[in-house]
C-alpha cells in the first residue's frame, strides 16, 4: 500500500464492493508494526499529497488514478480507518470498536 498506485487500486476495489454490497466499510491497514499507516491517512485527508505521490510514475494507470483522485476523495474522506498489527495486536481494540459502531 505504500505505493500510491496500489493504494488507489485498493480504494477503487473498496468503493466497488461498498456500493455493490451496500454495507459500511472500515479500512484496516495491517502490519503497522513494520510500517505506520500514517501515509495512507495523509493521502485520504489530503488529495494533493496523493496526487503528488502518483506523479512519480508516468504510466497509464497512474494517469487514470490522478484523474480519479478528486472524485474518489469524497468517498474515502467519509471512511473510518484503523491501523492494526496482527503480530503485536496493536490497534485490534480500535478495529473492534470501528466494526461495532
Protein backbone atom coordinates (compact mmCIF):
# COMPACT_ATOMS: atom_id res chain seq x y z
CA UNK A 1 0.00 0.00 0.00
CA UNK A 2 2.94 2.40 0.30
CA UNK A 3 2.82 2.62 -3.49
CA UNK A 4 0.27 5.29 -4.42
CA UNK A 5 -0.94 3.35 -7.46
CA UNK A 6 -1.59 0.23 -5.36
CA UNK A 7 -3.36 2.39 -2.80
CA UNK A 8 -5.68 3.84 -5.47
CA UNK A 9 -6.36 0.40 -6.90
CA UNK A 10 -7.35 -0.87 -3.46
CA UNK A 11 -9.53 2.20 -2.81
CA UNK A 12 -11.35 1.62 -6.10
CA UNK A 13 -11.93 -2.03 -5.22
CA UNK A 14 -13.20 -0.99 -1.79
CA UNK A 15 -15.53 1.55 -3.37
CA UNK A 16 -16.86 -1.05 -5.79
CA UNK A 17 -17.57 -3.56 -3.02
CA UNK A 18 -19.13 -0.93 -0.78
CA UNK A 19 -21.63 0.06 -3.43
CA UNK A 20 -22.25 -3.49 -4.62
CA UNK A 21 -22.81 -4.90 -1.14
CA UNK A 22 -24.31 -1.69 0.33
CA UNK A 23 -22.51 -2.08 3.64
CA UNK A 24 -20.34 0.31 5.65
CA UNK A 25 -16.58 -0.09 5.28
CA UNK A 26 -13.69 0.27 7.71
CA UNK A 27 -10.27 0.45 6.10
CA UNK A 28 -7.89 -1.62 8.21
CA UNK A 29 -4.21 -1.19 7.49
CA UNK A 30 -2.27 -4.21 8.72
CA UNK A 31 1.42 -4.61 9.53
CA UNK A 32 1.65 -1.33 11.43
CA UNK A 33 4.40 -2.97 13.49
CA UNK A 34 6.51 -2.80 10.30
CA UNK A 35 5.30 0.46 8.68
CA UNK A 36 2.97 3.13 10.06
CA UNK A 37 -0.25 3.69 8.15
CA UNK A 38 0.02 7.46 8.61
CA UNK A 39 0.97 7.92 4.95
CA UNK A 40 -2.40 6.41 3.94
CA UNK A 41 -4.26 8.68 6.36
CA UNK A 42 -2.38 11.63 4.87
CA UNK A 43 -3.36 10.55 1.35
CA UNK A 44 -7.00 10.14 2.37
CA UNK A 45 -7.15 13.52 4.11
CA UNK A 46 -5.18 15.49 1.52
CA UNK A 47 -5.82 14.57 -2.13
CA UNK A 48 -2.92 16.83 -3.18
CA UNK A 49 -0.47 14.57 -1.33
CA UNK A 50 -1.86 11.53 -3.12
CA UNK A 51 -1.64 13.29 -6.49
CA UNK A 52 1.95 14.23 -5.73
CA UNK A 53 2.79 10.61 -4.92
CA UNK A 54 1.07 9.45 -8.11
CA UNK A 55 3.15 11.87 -10.21
CA UNK A 56 6.25 9.80 -9.52
CA UNK A 57 5.03 7.25 -12.08
CA UNK A 58 4.17 8.02 -15.68
CA UNK A 59 2.03 5.03 -16.58
CA UNK A 60 -1.48 4.91 -17.95
CA UNK A 61 -2.71 3.56 -14.61
CA UNK A 62 -1.11 6.40 -12.65
CA UNK A 63 -2.60 8.98 -15.02
CA UNK A 64 -6.03 7.38 -14.60
CA UNK A 65 -5.56 7.37 -10.83
CA UNK A 66 -4.63 11.06 -10.79
CA UNK A 67 -7.78 11.89 -12.73
CA UNK A 68 -9.90 9.92 -10.22
CA UNK A 69 -8.37 11.31 -7.02
CA UNK A 70 -10.75 14.25 -6.66
CA UNK A 71 -13.84 12.14 -7.28
CA UNK A 72 -12.75 9.28 -5.04
CA UNK A 73 -11.52 11.58 -2.26
CA UNK A 74 -15.10 12.39 -1.31
CA UNK A 75 -15.61 8.66 -0.73
CA UNK A 76 -12.64 7.94 1.47
CA UNK A 77 -12.95 11.12 3.50
CA UNK A 78 -16.06 9.50 4.98
CA UNK A 79 -14.37 6.19 5.77
CA UNK A 80 -13.06 5.14 9.11
CA UNK A 81 -9.54 3.81 9.02
CA UNK A 82 -7.53 1.98 11.63
CA UNK A 83 -4.02 0.65 11.80
CA UNK A 84 -3.52 -2.83 13.19
CA UNK A 85 -0.76 -5.33 13.77
CA UNK A 86 -1.62 -8.99 13.85
CA UNK A 87 1.87 -9.68 15.22
CA UNK A 88 1.60 -7.37 18.24
CA UNK A 89 -2.21 -6.96 18.50
CA UNK A 90 -1.78 -3.17 18.41
CA UNK A 91 -4.89 -1.47 17.10
CA UNK A 92 -7.19 -4.50 17.36
CA UNK A 93 -9.33 -2.80 20.01
CA UNK A 94 -9.75 0.19 17.69
CA UNK A 95 -10.75 -2.14 14.85
CA UNK A 96 -13.33 -3.89 17.02
CA UNK A 97 -14.73 -0.52 18.11
CA UNK A 98 -14.96 0.64 14.50
CA UNK A 99 -16.76 -2.55 13.48
CA UNK A 100 -19.35 -2.35 16.26
CA UNK A 101 -20.47 1.22 15.58
